[in-house]
């Protein structure tokens, strides 16, 4: 996982893309949103 993954996730959320949502649901809450971006950034930074 890297910054490109964060950018991809932000773009998916911004454009309302619904393909592969289960892969983008980083925090496994059933929704793809800014919380997943935050979780992904935390994974990268740790």
C-alpha atoms as a PDB file:
ATOM      1  CA  UNK A   1       0.000   0.000   0.000  1.00  0.00           C
ATOM      2  CA  UNK A   2       1.242   3.457  -0.873  1.00  0.00           C
ATOM      3  CA  UNK A   3       0.173   7.014  -1.690  1.00  0.00           C
ATOM      4  CA  UNK A   4      -1.151   5.885  -5.072  1.00  0.00           C
ATOM      5  CA  UNK A   5      -3.647   3.676  -3.254  1.00  0.00           C
ATOM      6  CA  UNK A   6      -4.829   6.681  -1.208  1.00  0.00           C
ATOM      7  CA  UNK A   7      -5.284   8.725  -4.383  1.00  0.00           C
ATOM      8  CA  UNK A   8      -7.198   5.897  -6.039  1.00  0.00           C
ATOM      9  CA  UNK A   9      -9.488   5.520  -3.045  1.00  0.00           C
ATOM     10  CA  UNK A  10     -10.161   9.276  -2.854  1.00  0.00           C
ATOM     11  CA  UNK A  11     -10.980   9.311  -6.583  1.00  0.00           C
ATOM     12  CA  UNK A  12     -13.330   6.327  -6.177  1.00  0.00           C
ATOM     13  CA  UNK A  13     -15.198   8.099  -3.397  1.00  0.00           C
ATOM     14  CA  UNK A  14     -15.295  11.436  -5.253  1.00  0.00           C
ATOM     15  CA  UNK A  15     -16.656   9.870  -8.427  1.00  0.00           C
ATOM     16  CA  UNK A  16     -19.106   7.537  -6.708  1.00  0.00           C
ATOM     17  CA  UNK A  17     -17.517   4.430  -8.194  1.00  0.00           C
ATOM     18  CA  UNK A  18     -19.062   1.235  -6.905  1.00  0.00           C
ATOM     19  CA  UNK A  19     -16.866  -1.433  -8.500  1.00  0.00           C
ATOM     20  CA  UNK A  20     -14.804  -3.534  -6.105  1.00  0.00           C
ATOM     21  CA  UNK A  21     -16.178  -1.783  -3.053  1.00  0.00           C
ATOM     22  CA  UNK A  22     -15.336  -4.745  -0.849  1.00  0.00           C
ATOM     23  CA  UNK A  23     -11.664  -4.188  -1.693  1.00  0.00           C
ATOM     24  CA  UNK A  24     -11.862  -0.465  -0.944  1.00  0.00           C
ATOM     25  CA  UNK A  25     -13.634  -0.901   2.405  1.00  0.00           C
ATOM     26  CA  UNK A  26     -10.420  -0.719   4.433  1.00  0.00           C
ATOM     27  CA  UNK A  27     -12.101  -0.521   7.838  1.00  0.00           C
ATOM     28  CA  UNK A  28     -14.745  -3.172   6.984  1.00  0.00           C
ATOM     29  CA  UNK A  29     -17.736  -1.080   8.046  1.00  0.00           C
ATOM     30  CA  UNK A  30     -19.715  -1.822   4.879  1.00  0.00           C
ATOM     31  CA  UNK A  31     -19.214   1.683   3.458  1.00  0.00           C
ATOM     32  CA  UNK A  32     -16.471   3.270   1.389  1.00  0.00           C
ATOM     33  CA  UNK A  33     -15.890   6.797   2.632  1.00  0.00           C
ATOM     34  CA  UNK A  34     -13.343   9.169   4.141  1.00  0.00           C
ATOM     35  CA  UNK A  35     -12.919   6.814   7.118  1.00  0.00           C
ATOM     36  CA  UNK A  36     -11.376   4.300   4.731  1.00  0.00           C
ATOM     37  CA  UNK A  37      -8.990   6.966   3.439  1.00  0.00           C
ATOM     38  CA  UNK A  38      -7.944   7.725   7.005  1.00  0.00           C
ATOM     39  CA  UNK A  39      -7.484   4.029   7.769  1.00  0.00           C
ATOM     40  CA  UNK A  40      -5.379   3.553   4.639  1.00  0.00           C
ATOM     41  CA  UNK A  41      -3.178   6.534   5.499  1.00  0.00           C
ATOM     42  CA  UNK A  42      -2.674   5.144   8.994  1.00  0.00           C
ATOM     43  CA  UNK A  43      -1.655   1.771   7.564  1.00  0.00           C
ATOM     44  CA  UNK A  44       0.897   3.442   5.298  1.00  0.00           C
ATOM     45  CA  UNK A  45       2.320   5.632   8.063  1.00  0.00           C
ATOM     46  CA  UNK A  46       2.684   2.818  10.570  1.00  0.00           C
END
